Amino acid sequence: MSTYLVTGGAGYVGSTVAAHLLAAGHGVTVLDDLSTGHRAAVPEGARFVEGRVQDAGRWLDSSYEAVLHFAAFSRVGESVTDPAPYWANNVGGTADLLAAMRDAGVRTLVFSSTAATYGEPAAVPITETAPTAPTSPYGATKLAVDHMISGECAAHGLAAVSLRYFNVAGAYGAYGERHAPETHLIPLVLQVALGERESVAVYGDDYPTPDGTCVRDYIHVADLAEAHLLALSAARDGEHLICNLGNGNGFSVHEVVETARKVTGHAIPQTAAARRPGDPAVLVASAERAAEKLGWRPRRTDLAEIIADAWEFARRTAAG
């Protein structure tokens, strides 16, 4: 049995990954400052330490096999209006974490990166060789960390894998999305079905897509978690492997809303809104490198299944 440090393990993706590690028989320590995460999301059986990623050196020692790093600020709009905390936490915090790993002799890292590193794609599906041109400070900080990790691998022999996600969705039992404020489409749609908001806004209906609304690649959070466990085995000393993770299929905003209506049995009113600056028309991943290097392919690719899992979690959470 190995023991892993999961930074940001009280958040949506981090808690799901921690639960998968525990189910595989590993020891898990969750480090989270609870600024956006939830104490109740920390899986039973994990050791919980409340603290910042910048202070990981206080708890990290050679007993840990690897670090899985999720402790980032991730609201794109907020990063535009207030970028300083994003640079301080996402980049500065990771620099402190890498130093702590070096000092403790922990030489394997799996990093939660993002498709936001690519910005407006020149072609889809997006491969890892696509130009990186982030359109927000959030995406820029994640790209900066990827560069930082590459330098750490070359200089100090770190074994690292960065996983660039597209749109994570769905739920895994007790682990699901509950951001405050919520900005992601599927949970917003489900809030309408629950009666927690009157309608869902559709930002732009004149994009060059089949129905005029943005098309996105939705990946089930459980598929995502499985990729992280595979990445631990794929990491090689002195190498930085970057893999995209996605469904490989695109679903429009209208398709998401209509599928949610069928899954929930609710009307889910929608309202038209202006395009949001920087929203690409289509973002769809190529996950062929993940298939080749990690042996990973998504198994839960049906949009109705993804929304049904999220709906079950949303109803259970709303009921307390």
Protein backbone atom coordinates (compact mmCIF):
# COMPACT_ATOMS: atom_id res chain seq x y z
CA MET A 1 0.00 0.00 0.00
CA SER A 2 1.25 3.48 -0.90
CA THR A 3 0.41 6.74 0.79
CA TYR A 4 -0.46 9.86 -1.19
CA LEU A 5 -0.87 13.54 -0.40
CA VAL A 6 -3.90 15.04 -2.18
CA THR A 7 -3.82 18.83 -2.14
CA GLY A 8 -7.25 20.37 -2.63
CA GLY A 9 -8.80 17.03 -1.73
CA ALA A 10 -11.93 18.62 -0.24
CA GLY A 11 -12.97 19.93 -3.67
CA TYR A 12 -15.01 18.30 -6.42
CA VAL A 13 -12.30 16.51 -8.38
CA GLY A 14 -9.83 16.13 -5.52
CA SER A 15 -12.33 14.38 -3.24
CA THR A 16 -13.37 12.00 -6.03
CA VAL A 17 -9.74 11.09 -6.71
CA ALA A 18 -9.09 10.64 -2.98
CA ALA A 19 -12.08 8.26 -2.78
CA HIS A 20 -10.71 6.23 -5.70
CA LEU A 21 -7.27 6.00 -4.06
CA LEU A 22 -8.82 4.75 -0.83
CA ALA A 23 -10.94 2.21 -2.73
CA ALA A 24 -7.73 0.92 -4.33
CA GLY A 25 -6.29 0.28 -0.86
CA HIS A 26 -3.96 3.27 -0.57
CA GLY A 27 -3.42 5.67 2.30
CA VAL A 28 -4.51 9.25 1.69
CA THR A 29 -3.82 12.56 3.39
CA VAL A 30 -6.00 15.45 2.20
CA LEU A 31 -4.52 18.95 2.52
CA ASP A 32 -7.10 21.70 1.97
CA ASP A 33 -7.66 25.18 3.38
CA LEU A 34 -11.44 24.86 2.82
CA SER A 35 -11.55 28.21 1.01
CA THR A 36 -13.60 26.57 -1.75
CA GLY A 37 -13.70 22.93 -0.63
CA HIS A 38 -15.97 21.26 1.92
CA ARG A 39 -14.91 19.33 5.01
CA ALA A 40 -17.82 16.91 4.43
CA ALA A 41 -16.39 16.03 1.00
CA VAL A 42 -13.21 14.53 2.49
CA PRO A 43 -13.67 10.76 2.11
CA GLU A 44 -14.00 8.61 5.21
CA GLY A 45 -10.68 6.91 5.86
CA ALA A 46 -8.55 9.83 4.66
CA ARG A 47 -6.46 11.83 7.07
CA PHE A 48 -7.46 15.49 6.86
CA VAL A 49 -5.09 18.41 7.40
CA GLU A 50 -6.51 21.92 7.18
CA GLY A 51 -3.86 24.15 5.65
CA ARG A 52 -2.58 25.91 2.55
CA VAL A 53 -0.59 24.26 -0.21
CA GLN A 54 2.13 26.82 0.50
CA ASP A 55 2.66 25.09 3.86
CA ALA A 56 2.76 21.51 2.55
CA GLY A 57 6.32 21.17 3.82
CA ARG A 58 4.98 21.02 7.38
CA TRP A 59 3.38 17.63 6.68
CA LEU A 60 5.21 16.19 3.68
CA ASP A 61 7.91 13.59 4.32
CA SER A 62 9.50 10.59 2.64
CA SER A 63 6.65 8.28 3.65
CA TYR A 64 4.58 9.67 0.77
CA GLU A 65 4.83 7.95 -2.58
CA ALA A 66 3.51 10.92 -4.58
CA VAL A 67 1.49 14.13 -4.54
CA LEU A 68 -1.71 14.70 -6.50
CA HIS A 69 -2.15 18.47 -6.78
CA PHE A 70 -5.63 20.04 -7.10
CA ALA A 71 -5.25 23.10 -4.87
CA ALA A 72 -5.87 25.90 -7.35
CA PHE A 73 -8.26 28.82 -7.69
CA SER A 74 -10.28 28.02 -10.80
CA ARG A 75 -12.95 30.66 -11.56
CA VAL A 76 -12.11 32.02 -14.97
CA GLY A 77 -14.14 35.25 -14.67
CA GLU A 78 -12.79 36.02 -11.22
CA SER A 79 -9.24 35.53 -12.49
CA VAL A 80 -9.87 38.28 -15.04
CA THR A 81 -11.22 40.81 -12.53
CA ASP A 82 -8.80 39.90 -9.73
CA PRO A 83 -5.75 38.07 -11.12
CA ALA A 84 -3.28 38.60 -8.28
CA PRO A 85 -4.58 35.81 -6.00
CA TYR A 86 -4.44 33.40 -8.94
CA TRP A 87 -0.77 34.04 -9.54
CA ALA A 88 0.01 33.92 -5.82
CA ASN A 89 -1.88 30.69 -5.13
CA ASN A 90 -1.69 28.72 -8.36
CA VAL A 91 1.89 29.58 -9.31
CA GLY A 92 3.44 30.63 -6.00
CA GLY A 93 1.73 27.82 -4.11
CA THR A 94 2.92 25.22 -6.60
CA ALA A 95 6.49 26.56 -6.42
CA ASP A 96 6.36 26.09 -2.64
CA LEU A 97 4.91 22.60 -3.08
CA LEU A 98 7.66 21.57 -5.51
CA ALA A 99 10.30 22.82 -3.06
CA ALA A 100 8.67 20.86 -0.24
CA MET A 101 8.61 17.71 -2.38
CA ARG A 102 12.27 18.16 -3.24
CA ASP A 103 13.20 18.58 0.42
CA ALA A 104 11.14 15.55 1.47
CA GLY A 105 12.41 13.31 -1.32
CA VAL A 106 8.94 12.84 -2.83
CA ARG A 107 9.62 12.59 -6.53
CA THR A 108 6.27 11.89 -8.25
CA LEU A 109 3.57 14.44 -9.05
CA VAL A 110 0.22 14.31 -10.83
CA PHE A 111 -0.98 17.83 -11.62
CA SER A 112 -4.53 18.96 -12.29
CA SER A 113 -4.09 21.14 -15.36
CA THR A 114 -6.76 22.46 -17.74
CA ALA A 115 -7.83 22.87 -21.34
CA ALA A 116 -7.86 26.61 -20.60
CA THR A 117 -4.12 26.51 -21.40
CA TYR A 118 -5.05 26.29 -25.11
CA GLY A 119 -7.36 29.28 -25.32
CA GLU A 120 -9.22 29.65 -28.62
CA PRO A 121 -8.27 26.50 -30.56
CA ALA A 122 -7.14 26.67 -34.17
CA ALA A 123 -8.52 23.18 -34.81
CA VAL A 124 -10.61 20.55 -33.05
CA PRO A 125 -10.30 18.00 -31.60
CA ILE A 126 -7.52 19.61 -29.58
CA THR A 127 -4.27 17.67 -29.22
CA GLU A 128 -1.40 18.30 -26.82
CA THR A 129 0.67 19.76 -29.67
CA ALA A 130 -1.87 22.58 -30.21
CA PRO A 131 -0.57 26.10 -29.53
CA THR A 132 -1.04 27.28 -25.95
CA ALA A 133 -2.57 30.75 -25.86
CA PRO A 134 -4.70 31.09 -22.71
CA THR A 135 -7.32 33.83 -22.75
CA SER A 136 -7.58 34.25 -18.96
CA PRO A 137 -5.17 34.63 -16.04
CA TYR A 138 -6.51 31.30 -14.75
CA GLY A 139 -5.38 29.51 -17.89
CA ALA A 140 -2.11 31.44 -17.88
CA THR A 141 -1.31 30.38 -14.31
CA LYS A 142 -1.94 26.73 -15.15
CA LEU A 143 0.31 26.97 -18.20
CA ALA A 144 3.00 28.65 -16.08
CA VAL A 145 2.83 25.75 -13.63
CA ASP A 146 3.19 23.25 -16.47
CA HIS A 147 6.37 25.07 -17.54
CA MET A 148 7.57 25.08 -13.92
CA ILE A 149 7.02 21.33 -13.65
CA SER A 150 8.94 20.70 -16.88
CA GLY A 151 11.88 22.60 -15.41
CA GLU A 152 11.69 20.60 -12.17
CA CYS A 153 11.72 17.33 -14.11
CA ALA A 154 14.74 18.36 -16.17
CA ALA A 155 16.72 19.81 -13.27
CA HIS A 156 15.86 17.47 -10.40
CA GLY A 157 14.48 14.26 -11.91
CA LEU A 158 10.86 14.74 -10.89
CA ALA A 159 8.43 12.22 -12.42
CA ALA A 160 5.33 14.21 -13.40
CA VAL A 161 2.10 13.93 -15.34
CA SER A 162 -0.12 16.93 -16.09
CA LEU A 163 -3.72 16.12 -16.98
CA ARG A 164 -5.49 18.82 -18.97
CA TYR A 165 -9.22 18.45 -18.38
CA PHE A 166 -12.04 19.73 -20.48
CA ASN A 167 -15.48 20.11 -18.80
CA VAL A 168 -15.75 17.84 -15.76
CA ALA A 169 -19.31 16.80 -14.88
CA GLY A 170 -21.38 14.11 -13.20
CA ALA A 171 -20.95 12.74 -9.69
CA TYR A 172 -19.45 9.73 -7.97
CA GLY A 173 -21.73 8.65 -5.14
CA ALA A 174 -21.33 11.22 -2.36
CA TYR A 175 -18.86 13.30 -4.37
CA GLY A 176 -20.17 15.97 -6.73
CA GLU A 177 -20.17 19.64 -7.66
CA ARG A 178 -21.17 22.26 -5.10
CA HIS A 179 -19.38 25.47 -5.92
CA ALA A 180 -20.35 28.80 -4.41
CA PRO A 181 -21.02 30.67 -6.58
CA GLU A 182 -21.80 28.03 -9.19
CA THR A 183 -20.64 28.82 -12.74
CA HIS A 184 -20.78 25.43 -14.50
CA LEU A 185 -23.61 24.68 -16.91
CA ILE A 186 -24.86 21.28 -15.74
CA PRO A 187 -25.22 22.14 -12.03
CA LEU A 188 -26.83 25.47 -12.98
CA VAL A 189 -29.38 23.64 -15.13
CA LEU A 190 -30.08 21.23 -12.27
CA GLN A 191 -30.59 24.13 -9.87
CA VAL A 192 -33.43 25.24 -12.13
CA ALA A 193 -34.92 21.74 -12.00
CA LEU A 194 -34.70 21.87 -8.20
CA GLY A 195 -36.48 25.23 -8.08
CA GLU A 196 -33.42 27.02 -6.75
CA ARG A 197 -33.29 29.44 -9.69
CA GLU A 198 -35.92 30.50 -12.22
CA SER A 199 -34.07 29.82 -15.46
CA VAL A 200 -30.69 29.08 -17.00
CA ALA A 201 -28.96 31.68 -19.16
CA VAL A 202 -27.73 30.66 -22.60
CA TYR A 203 -24.81 32.91 -23.50
CA GLY A 204 -24.94 33.37 -27.27
CA ASP A 205 -27.04 31.57 -29.86
CA ASP A 206 -25.23 32.73 -33.00
CA TYR A 207 -22.04 30.67 -32.87
CA PRO A 208 -20.94 28.71 -35.98
CA THR A 209 -22.31 25.45 -34.53
CA PRO A 210 -25.29 23.29 -35.59
CA ASP A 211 -27.72 24.99 -33.19
CA GLY A 212 -25.87 28.27 -32.63
CA THR A 213 -24.80 27.55 -29.04
CA CYS A 214 -21.35 26.69 -27.71
CA VAL A 215 -20.20 23.06 -27.94
CA ARG A 216 -18.22 21.54 -25.08
CA ASP A 217 -16.63 18.20 -24.22
CA TYR A 218 -18.01 16.80 -20.93
CA ILE A 219 -15.99 14.18 -19.05
CA HIS A 220 -17.44 12.17 -16.17
CA VAL A 221 -15.63 12.86 -12.89
CA ALA A 222 -15.23 9.12 -12.20
CA ASP A 223 -13.47 8.63 -15.56
CA LEU A 224 -11.27 11.55 -14.64
CA ALA A 225 -10.37 9.99 -11.27
CA GLU A 226 -9.43 6.72 -12.92
CA ALA A 227 -7.02 8.60 -15.19
CA HIS A 228 -5.22 10.01 -12.14
CA LEU A 229 -4.55 6.56 -10.73
CA LEU A 230 -3.22 5.41 -14.10
CA ALA A 231 -1.04 8.54 -14.28
CA LEU A 232 0.71 7.56 -11.04
CA SER A 233 1.91 4.37 -12.73
CA ALA A 234 2.85 6.16 -15.96
CA ALA A 235 5.10 8.81 -14.35
CA ARG A 236 8.79 8.39 -15.20
CA ASP A 237 11.81 9.98 -13.52
CA GLY A 238 12.93 13.15 -15.26
CA GLU A 239 9.94 13.22 -17.61
CA HIS A 240 6.91 15.51 -17.77
CA LEU A 241 4.03 13.86 -19.59
CA ILE A 242 1.07 16.06 -20.59
CA CYS A 243 -2.22 14.41 -21.54
CA ASN A 244 -5.61 15.80 -22.48
CA LEU A 245 -8.62 14.19 -20.85
CA GLY A 246 -12.01 14.46 -22.48
CA ASN A 247 -15.02 12.58 -23.73
CA GLY A 248 -14.04 13.09 -27.36
CA ASN A 249 -17.59 14.22 -28.19
CA GLY A 250 -19.05 17.70 -28.16
CA PHE A 251 -22.46 18.64 -26.75
CA SER A 252 -24.06 22.03 -27.30
CA VAL A 253 -25.65 24.14 -24.57
CA HIS A 254 -29.08 23.39 -26.07
CA GLU A 255 -28.31 19.65 -26.04
CA VAL A 256 -27.34 19.80 -22.37
CA VAL A 257 -30.53 21.65 -21.42
CA GLU A 258 -32.76 19.34 -23.45
CA THR A 259 -31.10 16.22 -22.04
CA ALA A 260 -31.49 17.58 -18.51
CA ARG A 261 -35.22 18.12 -19.18
CA LYS A 262 -35.57 14.46 -20.12
CA VAL A 263 -33.50 13.20 -17.18
CA THR A 264 -35.19 15.34 -14.53
CA GLY A 265 -38.70 15.55 -15.91
CA HIS A 266 -38.69 19.33 -15.39
CA ALA A 267 -39.30 22.06 -17.96
CA ILE A 268 -36.07 24.04 -17.17
CA PRO A 269 -36.82 27.47 -18.69
CA GLN A 270 -33.91 29.16 -20.46
CA THR A 271 -33.20 32.78 -21.27
CA ALA A 272 -31.08 34.27 -24.03
CA ALA A 273 -28.02 36.27 -23.02
CA ALA A 274 -25.17 37.96 -24.86
CA ARG A 275 -22.01 36.07 -25.67
CA ARG A 276 -19.38 36.07 -22.93
CA PRO A 277 -15.99 37.48 -23.97
CA GLY A 278 -13.45 34.76 -24.70
CA ASP A 279 -15.93 31.88 -25.04
CA PRO A 280 -14.72 29.67 -27.94
CA ALA A 281 -17.42 28.19 -30.16
CA VAL A 282 -16.17 24.59 -29.86
CA LEU A 283 -13.87 22.87 -27.35
CA VAL A 284 -13.47 19.13 -27.88
CA ALA A 285 -10.51 17.04 -26.75
CA SER A 286 -8.40 14.44 -28.42
CA ALA A 287 -7.52 11.93 -25.69
CA GLU A 288 -5.44 9.63 -27.90
CA ARG A 289 -2.23 10.36 -26.01
CA ALA A 290 -3.93 9.38 -22.74
CA ALA A 291 -5.04 6.14 -24.38
CA GLU A 292 -1.50 5.42 -25.57
CA LYS A 293 0.50 6.54 -22.54
CA LEU A 294 -1.91 5.85 -19.67
CA GLY A 295 -4.05 3.07 -21.09
CA TRP A 296 -7.08 5.28 -20.39
CA ARG A 297 -10.30 5.72 -22.30
CA PRO A 298 -13.49 7.30 -20.92
CA ARG A 299 -16.20 4.74 -20.12
CA ARG A 300 -19.09 7.02 -19.12
CA THR A 301 -19.52 9.02 -22.32
CA ASP A 302 -23.31 9.24 -22.57
CA LEU A 303 -24.56 12.73 -21.74
CA ALA A 304 -27.76 11.42 -20.14
CA GLU A 305 -25.74 9.18 -17.80
CA ILE A 306 -23.46 12.07 -16.83
CA ILE A 307 -26.43 14.33 -16.07
CA ALA A 308 -28.33 11.56 -14.26
CA ASP A 309 -25.44 11.05 -11.83
CA ALA A 310 -25.19 14.80 -11.25
CA TRP A 311 -28.98 14.98 -10.74
CA GLU A 312 -28.93 12.24 -8.11
CA PHE A 313 -26.18 14.08 -6.23
CA ALA A 314 -27.98 17.43 -6.54
CA ARG A 315 -31.23 16.03 -5.17
CA ARG A 316 -29.47 14.28 -2.28
CA THR A 317 -27.53 17.44 -1.41
CA ALA A 318 -30.65 19.63 -1.60
CA ALA A 319 -32.45 17.23 0.78
CA GLY A 320 -29.65 17.66 3.31
